[in-house]
N, C-alpha and C. Protein backbone atom coordinates (compact mmCIF):
# COMPACT_ATOMS: atom_id res chain seq x y z
N UNK A 1 113.21 61.85 59.50
CA UNK A 1 112.19 62.73 60.05
C UNK A 1 111.38 61.97 61.10
N UNK A 2 111.09 62.62 62.19
CA UNK A 2 110.34 62.01 63.28
C UNK A 2 108.84 62.08 62.98
N UNK A 3 108.11 61.14 63.56
CA UNK A 3 106.66 61.16 63.38
C UNK A 3 106.05 62.10 64.40
N UNK A 4 104.84 62.52 64.12
CA UNK A 4 104.11 63.38 65.05
C UNK A 4 103.93 62.67 66.39
N UNK A 5 103.71 61.37 66.37
CA UNK A 5 103.55 60.60 67.60
C UNK A 5 104.81 60.64 68.44
N UNK A 6 105.98 60.51 67.81
CA UNK A 6 107.25 60.56 68.56
C UNK A 6 107.47 61.93 69.18
N UNK A 7 107.15 62.97 68.44
CA UNK A 7 107.32 64.33 68.95
C UNK A 7 106.33 64.61 70.06
N UNK A 8 105.08 64.19 69.86
CA UNK A 8 104.06 64.40 70.90
C UNK A 8 104.43 63.65 72.17
N UNK A 9 104.94 62.42 72.03
CA UNK A 9 105.38 61.67 73.21
C UNK A 9 106.50 62.41 73.93
N UNK A 10 107.45 62.93 73.17
CA UNK A 10 108.58 63.63 73.78
C UNK A 10 108.13 64.86 74.56
N UNK A 11 107.07 65.50 74.12
CA UNK A 11 106.58 66.70 74.80
C UNK A 11 105.46 66.41 75.80
N UNK A 12 105.15 65.12 76.02
CA UNK A 12 104.03 64.77 76.89
C UNK A 12 104.37 64.82 78.38
N UNK A 13 105.63 64.95 78.71
CA UNK A 13 106.04 64.98 80.11
C UNK A 13 106.25 66.42 80.56
N UNK A 14 105.73 66.79 81.73
CA UNK A 14 105.97 68.15 82.24
C UNK A 14 107.47 68.46 82.41
N UNK A 15 108.26 67.46 82.76
CA UNK A 15 109.70 67.70 82.90
C UNK A 15 110.32 68.00 81.54
N UNK A 16 109.93 67.24 80.52
CA UNK A 16 110.50 67.47 79.19
C UNK A 16 110.05 68.80 78.61
N UNK A 17 108.79 69.18 78.83
CA UNK A 17 108.37 70.49 78.32
C UNK A 17 109.10 71.61 79.07
N UNK A 18 109.37 71.41 80.36
CA UNK A 18 110.14 72.41 81.11
C UNK A 18 111.57 72.49 80.58
N UNK A 19 112.14 71.35 80.21
CA UNK A 19 113.49 71.35 79.65
C UNK A 19 113.53 72.07 78.30
N UNK A 20 112.56 71.82 77.46
CA UNK A 20 112.53 72.48 76.15
C UNK A 20 112.37 73.99 76.32
N UNK A 21 111.64 74.40 77.35
CA UNK A 21 111.38 75.82 77.57
C UNK A 21 112.41 76.50 78.47
N UNK A 22 113.38 75.76 78.98
CA UNK A 22 114.33 76.34 79.93
C UNK A 22 115.20 77.40 79.26
N UNK A 23 115.69 78.36 80.06
CA UNK A 23 116.58 79.38 79.51
C UNK A 23 117.83 78.73 78.91
N UNK A 24 118.30 79.28 77.81
CA UNK A 24 119.45 78.66 77.12
C UNK A 24 120.75 78.80 77.90
N UNK A 25 120.80 79.70 78.89
CA UNK A 25 122.03 79.85 79.67
C UNK A 25 122.01 79.02 80.96
N UNK A 26 120.98 78.19 81.14
CA UNK A 26 120.88 77.35 82.33
C UNK A 26 121.47 75.98 82.02
N UNK A 27 122.33 75.49 82.92
CA UNK A 27 122.90 74.16 82.72
C UNK A 27 121.85 73.10 83.07
N UNK A 28 122.11 71.88 82.62
CA UNK A 28 121.19 70.79 82.97
C UNK A 28 121.22 70.52 84.47
N UNK A 29 122.38 70.71 85.11
CA UNK A 29 122.46 70.55 86.56
C UNK A 29 121.61 71.57 87.29
N UNK A 30 121.63 72.82 86.82
CA UNK A 30 120.79 73.86 87.42
C UNK A 30 119.31 73.56 87.19
N UNK A 31 118.99 73.03 86.02
CA UNK A 31 117.60 72.67 85.73
C UNK A 31 117.13 71.56 86.67
N UNK A 32 118.00 70.60 86.96
CA UNK A 32 117.64 69.51 87.88
C UNK A 32 117.30 70.08 89.26
N UNK A 33 118.12 71.02 89.74
CA UNK A 33 117.85 71.64 91.04
C UNK A 33 116.53 72.41 91.01
N UNK A 34 116.33 73.19 89.96
CA UNK A 34 115.11 74.01 89.86
C UNK A 34 113.87 73.12 89.79
N UNK A 35 113.96 72.02 89.06
CA UNK A 35 112.80 71.14 88.89
C UNK A 35 112.65 70.13 90.03
N UNK A 36 113.66 70.04 90.90
CA UNK A 36 113.58 69.13 92.04
C UNK A 36 113.69 67.67 91.66
N UNK A 37 114.53 67.38 90.66
CA UNK A 37 114.74 65.99 90.24
C UNK A 37 116.23 65.70 90.24
N UNK A 38 116.57 64.43 90.14
CA UNK A 38 117.97 64.02 90.15
C UNK A 38 118.60 64.23 88.77
N UNK A 39 119.93 64.34 88.74
CA UNK A 39 120.60 64.44 87.44
C UNK A 39 120.31 63.26 86.52
N UNK A 40 120.17 62.05 87.08
CA UNK A 40 119.86 60.90 86.23
C UNK A 40 118.47 61.02 85.60
N UNK A 41 117.53 61.61 86.33
CA UNK A 41 116.20 61.85 85.76
C UNK A 41 116.29 62.84 84.60
N UNK A 42 117.07 63.90 84.79
CA UNK A 42 117.27 64.88 83.71
C UNK A 42 117.89 64.19 82.50
N UNK A 43 118.91 63.36 82.73
CA UNK A 43 119.57 62.66 81.62
C UNK A 43 118.59 61.80 80.84
N UNK A 44 117.72 61.10 81.54
CA UNK A 44 116.71 60.27 80.87
C UNK A 44 115.82 61.13 79.98
N UNK A 45 115.30 62.23 80.53
CA UNK A 45 114.38 63.07 79.78
C UNK A 45 115.08 63.79 78.61
N UNK A 46 116.32 64.16 78.80
CA UNK A 46 117.09 64.77 77.71
C UNK A 46 117.27 63.77 76.58
N UNK A 47 117.53 62.51 76.92
CA UNK A 47 117.69 61.47 75.89
C UNK A 47 116.42 61.31 75.08
N UNK A 48 115.26 61.37 75.72
CA UNK A 48 113.99 61.27 75.00
C UNK A 48 113.85 62.45 74.04
N UNK A 49 114.18 63.66 74.50
CA UNK A 49 114.09 64.84 73.64
C UNK A 49 115.08 64.77 72.48
N UNK A 50 116.28 64.27 72.75
CA UNK A 50 117.28 64.10 71.68
C UNK A 50 116.79 63.08 70.65
N UNK A 51 116.26 61.97 71.13
CA UNK A 51 115.76 60.93 70.21
C UNK A 51 114.65 61.45 69.32
N UNK A 52 113.85 62.38 69.85
CA UNK A 52 112.77 62.95 69.06
C UNK A 52 113.27 64.05 68.13
N UNK A 53 114.54 64.40 68.24
CA UNK A 53 115.11 65.40 67.36
C UNK A 53 114.77 66.83 67.75
N UNK A 54 114.38 67.04 69.01
CA UNK A 54 113.96 68.38 69.43
C UNK A 54 115.09 69.22 70.00
N UNK A 55 116.11 68.58 70.56
CA UNK A 55 117.20 69.32 71.20
C UNK A 55 118.55 68.69 70.86
N UNK A 56 119.58 69.49 71.08
CA UNK A 56 120.96 69.04 70.98
C UNK A 56 121.61 69.42 72.30
N UNK A 57 122.47 68.56 72.82
CA UNK A 57 123.20 68.87 74.05
C UNK A 57 124.57 69.42 73.67
N UNK A 58 124.86 70.61 74.16
CA UNK A 58 126.18 71.21 73.98
C UNK A 58 126.95 71.04 75.28
N UNK A 59 128.19 70.59 75.18
CA UNK A 59 129.04 70.40 76.36
C UNK A 59 130.11 71.49 76.37
N UNK A 60 130.20 72.17 77.50
CA UNK A 60 131.23 73.18 77.70
C UNK A 60 131.94 72.80 79.00
N UNK A 61 133.11 72.19 78.86
CA UNK A 61 133.79 71.64 80.03
C UNK A 61 132.93 70.53 80.61
N UNK A 62 132.61 70.64 81.90
CA UNK A 62 131.77 69.62 82.54
C UNK A 62 130.29 70.01 82.53
N UNK A 63 129.97 71.17 81.97
CA UNK A 63 128.58 71.63 81.94
C UNK A 63 127.89 71.22 80.65
N UNK A 64 126.58 70.94 80.78
CA UNK A 64 125.80 70.59 79.60
C UNK A 64 124.65 71.58 79.47
N UNK A 65 124.43 72.03 78.24
CA UNK A 65 123.36 72.97 77.91
C UNK A 65 122.51 72.38 76.80
N UNK A 66 121.22 72.70 76.81
CA UNK A 66 120.34 72.27 75.73
C UNK A 66 120.22 73.36 74.69
N UNK A 67 120.19 72.95 73.45
CA UNK A 67 119.92 73.88 72.35
C UNK A 67 118.72 73.32 71.58
N UNK A 68 117.73 74.17 71.35
CA UNK A 68 116.55 73.74 70.61
C UNK A 68 116.90 73.62 69.13
N UNK A 69 116.44 72.55 68.50
CA UNK A 69 116.82 72.28 67.12
C UNK A 69 115.93 72.96 66.10
N UNK A 70 114.67 73.07 66.37
CA UNK A 70 113.75 73.53 65.34
C UNK A 70 113.48 75.02 65.45
N UNK A 71 113.55 75.69 64.33
CA UNK A 71 113.38 77.14 64.29
C UNK A 71 112.04 77.56 64.91
N UNK A 72 110.99 76.79 64.66
CA UNK A 72 109.68 77.13 65.19
C UNK A 72 109.69 77.13 66.72
N UNK A 73 110.36 76.15 67.32
CA UNK A 73 110.49 76.12 68.78
C UNK A 73 111.27 77.33 69.28
N UNK A 74 112.33 77.67 68.57
CA UNK A 74 113.15 78.82 68.99
C UNK A 74 112.36 80.12 68.89
N UNK A 75 111.51 80.26 67.89
CA UNK A 75 110.69 81.47 67.75
C UNK A 75 109.65 81.53 68.86
N UNK A 76 108.92 80.44 69.08
CA UNK A 76 107.87 80.41 70.10
C UNK A 76 108.45 80.69 71.48
N UNK A 77 109.64 80.18 71.75
CA UNK A 77 110.25 80.33 73.06
C UNK A 77 111.14 81.57 73.18
N UNK A 78 111.14 82.41 72.13
CA UNK A 78 111.81 83.70 72.22
C UNK A 78 113.30 83.71 71.95
N UNK A 79 113.87 82.61 71.44
CA UNK A 79 115.30 82.59 71.13
C UNK A 79 115.61 83.29 69.81
N UNK A 80 114.62 83.37 68.93
CA UNK A 80 114.78 83.99 67.62
C UNK A 80 113.63 84.93 67.38
N UNK A 81 113.88 86.04 66.69
CA UNK A 81 112.76 86.93 66.38
C UNK A 81 111.81 86.26 65.39
N UNK A 82 110.56 86.60 65.51
CA UNK A 82 109.56 86.05 64.61
C UNK A 82 109.70 86.72 63.25
N UNK A 83 109.58 85.97 62.17
CA UNK A 83 109.65 86.58 60.85
C UNK A 83 108.50 87.56 60.65
N UNK A 84 108.66 88.45 59.72
CA UNK A 84 107.63 89.46 59.46
C UNK A 84 106.49 88.88 58.63
N UNK A 85 105.95 87.80 59.10
CA UNK A 85 104.80 87.16 58.44
C UNK A 85 103.71 86.97 59.48
N UNK A 86 102.50 87.10 59.05
CA UNK A 86 101.36 86.84 59.90
C UNK A 86 100.74 85.53 59.47
N UNK A 87 100.06 84.87 60.37
CA UNK A 87 99.37 83.64 59.99
C UNK A 87 98.29 83.93 58.97
N UNK A 88 97.91 85.19 58.85
CA UNK A 88 96.90 85.57 57.86
C UNK A 88 97.48 85.73 56.47
N UNK A 89 98.81 85.84 56.37
CA UNK A 89 99.44 85.99 55.06
C UNK A 89 99.15 84.78 54.20
N UNK A 90 99.09 85.02 52.92
CA UNK A 90 98.90 83.92 51.98
C UNK A 90 100.16 83.07 51.94
N UNK A 91 100.01 81.76 51.78
CA UNK A 91 101.20 80.92 51.66
C UNK A 91 101.92 81.24 50.36
N UNK A 92 103.24 81.01 50.31
CA UNK A 92 103.97 81.29 49.08
C UNK A 92 103.51 80.37 47.95
N UNK A 93 103.55 80.89 46.76
CA UNK A 93 103.16 80.11 45.59
C UNK A 93 104.35 79.29 45.15
N UNK A 94 104.12 78.00 44.94
CA UNK A 94 105.18 77.12 44.49
C UNK A 94 105.28 77.19 42.98
N UNK A 95 106.49 77.48 42.47
CA UNK A 95 106.69 77.56 41.03
C UNK A 95 107.52 76.37 40.59
N UNK A 96 108.82 76.45 40.77
CA UNK A 96 109.71 75.38 40.31
C UNK A 96 110.10 74.41 41.41
N UNK A 97 109.67 74.65 42.62
CA UNK A 97 110.04 73.77 43.71
C UNK A 97 109.62 74.37 45.03
N UNK A 98 110.00 73.75 46.11
CA UNK A 98 109.61 74.25 47.41
C UNK A 98 110.22 75.63 47.67
N UNK A 99 109.49 76.43 48.41
CA UNK A 99 109.95 77.76 48.78
C UNK A 99 110.30 77.73 50.26
N UNK A 100 111.49 78.20 50.59
CA UNK A 100 111.92 78.27 51.99
C UNK A 100 111.34 79.51 52.60
N UNK A 101 110.58 79.35 53.64
CA UNK A 101 109.99 80.53 54.30
C UNK A 101 111.06 81.16 55.11
């Protein structure tokens, strides 16, 4: 498990936050053009995000795509529908062990 400091560092760069928020159908090469940076710069920032456990790189032929790893990131960024829970809902009661939300 990554520490909060490692995750915060990974999201501290505007380029990395743009990569985490990029459309899932955009290649890393297209993201480099859109962000105005070189492919090597994208590779560096993707490595930081991978090391923090935030993304996975999927390769399709010569193209690379980012996939967000954490469900919470996917919900916030619109890749997954939000569960039918409100932040006002009471947390689940733990009986015999952890409860998967």
